[in-house]
Amino acid sequence: MGHAMKIFTYISDGGAIQLLGIPKLKSGWESIVKAIENFYNSEIANTKRIWGCFVVDVWGLGL
């Protein structure tokens, strides 16, 4: 709840936000190996995004 309140306060104090589009998920792969590779690469990308948010929030670095 604390994180949500920080966002609310930021916006209510006049802060600007930018919502980015969510890309369409892929469906239908040539093989199970390709499906697993796609899943694995998606997990790596999502983890990097999560860590990016963590760095911005905790350390204020925005790396």
N, C-alpha and C. Protein backbone atom coordinates (compact mmCIF):
# COMPACT_ATOMS: atom_id res chain seq x y z
N MET A 1 0.83 -1.19 0.00
CA MET A 1 0.00 0.00 0.00
C MET A 1 0.87 1.26 0.00
N GLY A 2 2.01 1.20 0.66
CA GLY A 2 2.89 2.36 0.73
C GLY A 2 3.37 2.80 -0.65
N HIS A 3 3.70 1.84 -1.50
CA HIS A 3 4.17 2.16 -2.84
C HIS A 3 3.06 2.81 -3.66
N ALA A 4 1.85 2.30 -3.53
CA ALA A 4 0.71 2.89 -4.24
C ALA A 4 0.48 4.33 -3.79
N MET A 5 0.65 4.61 -2.52
CA MET A 5 0.46 5.97 -2.01
C MET A 5 1.54 6.91 -2.54
N LYS A 6 2.76 6.41 -2.70
CA LYS A 6 3.82 7.24 -3.28
C LYS A 6 3.46 7.64 -4.71
N ILE A 7 2.94 6.68 -5.47
CA ILE A 7 2.54 6.97 -6.84
C ILE A 7 1.39 7.97 -6.85
N PHE A 8 0.39 7.74 -5.99
CA PHE A 8 -0.75 8.65 -5.91
C PHE A 8 -0.29 10.07 -5.56
N THR A 9 0.57 10.19 -4.57
CA THR A 9 1.07 11.51 -4.14
C THR A 9 1.83 12.18 -5.28
N TYR A 10 2.66 11.42 -5.97
CA TYR A 10 3.43 11.97 -7.09
C TYR A 10 2.49 12.54 -8.15
N ILE A 11 1.47 11.78 -8.51
CA ILE A 11 0.53 12.23 -9.54
C ILE A 11 -0.30 13.41 -9.05
N SER A 12 -0.79 13.34 -7.81
CA SER A 12 -1.63 14.42 -7.29
C SER A 12 -0.84 15.72 -7.09
N ASP A 13 0.48 15.61 -6.92
CA ASP A 13 1.32 16.80 -6.80
C ASP A 13 1.72 17.37 -8.16
N GLY A 14 1.17 16.80 -9.22
CA GLY A 14 1.44 17.33 -10.56
C GLY A 14 2.46 16.56 -11.36
N GLY A 15 2.94 15.44 -10.84
CA GLY A 15 3.90 14.63 -11.58
C GLY A 15 3.27 14.01 -12.81
N ALA A 16 4.05 13.88 -13.83
CA ALA A 16 3.55 13.30 -15.09
C ALA A 16 3.95 11.84 -15.18
N ILE A 17 3.06 11.04 -15.74
CA ILE A 17 3.37 9.64 -15.97
C ILE A 17 3.18 9.34 -17.45
N GLN A 18 3.83 8.29 -17.90
CA GLN A 18 3.67 7.86 -19.29
C GLN A 18 3.39 6.36 -19.27
N LEU A 19 2.23 5.99 -19.76
CA LEU A 19 1.88 4.58 -19.85
C LEU A 19 2.32 4.05 -21.20
N LEU A 20 3.06 2.97 -21.17
CA LEU A 20 3.55 2.37 -22.40
C LEU A 20 2.65 1.21 -22.80
N GLY A 21 2.55 0.98 -24.08
CA GLY A 21 1.73 -0.12 -24.58
C GLY A 21 2.33 -1.47 -24.23
N ILE A 22 1.48 -2.44 -24.10
CA ILE A 22 1.92 -3.80 -23.84
C ILE A 22 1.90 -4.54 -25.18
N PRO A 23 3.04 -5.06 -25.61
CA PRO A 23 3.07 -5.75 -26.91
C PRO A 23 2.23 -7.03 -26.88
N LYS A 24 1.66 -7.35 -28.02
CA LYS A 24 0.86 -8.56 -28.14
C LYS A 24 1.74 -9.78 -27.90
N LEU A 25 1.20 -10.74 -27.16
CA LEU A 25 1.95 -11.96 -26.88
C LEU A 25 2.00 -12.84 -28.12
N LYS A 26 3.12 -13.50 -28.28
CA LYS A 26 3.28 -14.43 -29.40
C LYS A 26 2.50 -15.70 -29.12
N SER A 27 1.97 -16.27 -30.15
CA SER A 27 1.31 -17.58 -30.03
C SER A 27 1.62 -18.37 -31.28
N GLY A 28 1.82 -19.64 -31.10
CA GLY A 28 2.13 -20.51 -32.23
C GLY A 28 3.62 -20.50 -32.56
N TRP A 29 4.31 -21.52 -32.15
CA TRP A 29 5.74 -21.66 -32.40
C TRP A 29 5.98 -22.87 -33.30
N GLU A 30 7.15 -22.89 -33.93
CA GLU A 30 7.51 -23.99 -34.81
C GLU A 30 7.77 -25.29 -34.05
N SER A 31 8.21 -25.16 -32.80
CA SER A 31 8.53 -26.34 -31.99
C SER A 31 8.45 -25.99 -30.51
N ILE A 32 8.45 -27.00 -29.69
CA ILE A 32 8.44 -26.79 -28.23
C ILE A 32 9.72 -26.08 -27.80
N VAL A 33 10.82 -26.37 -28.47
CA VAL A 33 12.09 -25.72 -28.14
C VAL A 33 11.98 -24.21 -28.39
N LYS A 34 11.38 -23.81 -29.51
CA LYS A 34 11.20 -22.38 -29.81
C LYS A 34 10.28 -21.72 -28.78
N ALA A 35 9.25 -22.45 -28.35
CA ALA A 35 8.33 -21.90 -27.35
C ALA A 35 9.06 -21.67 -26.03
N ILE A 36 9.88 -22.62 -25.62
CA ILE A 36 10.63 -22.48 -24.36
C ILE A 36 11.66 -21.37 -24.47
N GLU A 37 12.33 -21.27 -25.62
CA GLU A 37 13.29 -20.18 -25.82
C GLU A 37 12.60 -18.82 -25.71
N ASN A 38 11.43 -18.70 -26.32
CA ASN A 38 10.67 -17.46 -26.26
C ASN A 38 10.27 -17.13 -24.83
N PHE A 39 9.79 -18.13 -24.10
CA PHE A 39 9.41 -17.94 -22.70
C PHE A 39 10.62 -17.50 -21.88
N TYR A 40 11.74 -18.17 -22.07
CA TYR A 40 12.97 -17.86 -21.33
C TYR A 40 13.41 -16.41 -21.60
N ASN A 41 13.43 -16.02 -22.87
CA ASN A 41 13.84 -14.66 -23.21
C ASN A 41 12.87 -13.62 -22.64
N SER A 42 11.59 -13.95 -22.63
CA SER A 42 10.60 -13.04 -22.03
C SER A 42 10.84 -12.88 -20.54
N GLU A 43 11.16 -13.97 -19.86
CA GLU A 43 11.43 -13.90 -18.42
C GLU A 43 12.66 -13.05 -18.13
N ILE A 44 13.68 -13.17 -18.95
CA ILE A 44 14.88 -12.35 -18.77
C ILE A 44 14.52 -10.86 -18.93
N ALA A 45 13.77 -10.53 -19.97
CA ALA A 45 13.37 -9.14 -20.20
C ALA A 45 12.52 -8.61 -19.05
N ASN A 46 11.57 -9.41 -18.58
CA ASN A 46 10.71 -8.98 -17.47
C ASN A 46 11.51 -8.77 -16.19
N THR A 47 12.46 -9.66 -15.92
CA THR A 47 13.29 -9.52 -14.73
C THR A 47 14.11 -8.23 -14.79
N LYS A 48 14.64 -7.90 -15.97
CA LYS A 48 15.39 -6.64 -16.12
C LYS A 48 14.49 -5.44 -15.85
N ARG A 49 13.24 -5.51 -16.34
CA ARG A 49 12.30 -4.40 -16.09
C ARG A 49 12.00 -4.26 -14.60
N ILE A 50 11.78 -5.39 -13.94
CA ILE A 50 11.49 -5.36 -12.50
C ILE A 50 12.68 -4.78 -11.74
N TRP A 51 13.89 -5.23 -12.06
CA TRP A 51 15.07 -4.69 -11.39
C TRP A 51 15.24 -3.20 -11.68
N GLY A 52 14.87 -2.77 -12.89
CA GLY A 52 14.93 -1.34 -13.22
C GLY A 52 14.01 -0.54 -12.32
N CYS A 53 12.81 -1.06 -12.06
CA CYS A 53 11.88 -0.38 -11.15
C CYS A 53 12.44 -0.36 -9.74
N PHE A 54 13.04 -1.46 -9.31
CA PHE A 54 13.61 -1.56 -7.97
C PHE A 54 14.72 -0.53 -7.78
N VAL A 55 15.59 -0.42 -8.77
CA VAL A 55 16.70 0.53 -8.69
C VAL A 55 16.16 1.96 -8.61
N VAL A 56 15.16 2.29 -9.41
CA VAL A 56 14.58 3.63 -9.38
C VAL A 56 13.95 3.90 -8.02
N ASP A 57 13.19 2.94 -7.51
CA ASP A 57 12.44 3.13 -6.27
C ASP A 57 13.35 3.16 -5.04
N VAL A 58 14.25 2.20 -4.93
CA VAL A 58 15.06 2.07 -3.71
C VAL A 58 16.26 3.01 -3.71
N TRP A 59 16.97 3.07 -4.83
CA TRP A 59 18.19 3.87 -4.85
C TRP A 59 18.03 5.19 -5.58
N GLY A 60 16.91 5.37 -6.27
CA GLY A 60 16.69 6.61 -7.00
C GLY A 60 17.67 6.83 -8.14
N LEU A 61 18.20 5.75 -8.68
CA LEU A 61 19.22 5.88 -9.72
C LEU A 61 18.65 5.81 -11.13
N GLY A 62 17.61 5.05 -11.32
CA GLY A 62 17.00 4.92 -12.64
C GLY A 62 17.91 4.30 -13.68
N LEU A 63 18.71 3.33 -13.27
CA LEU A 63 19.62 2.68 -14.22
C LEU A 63 18.90 1.74 -15.14
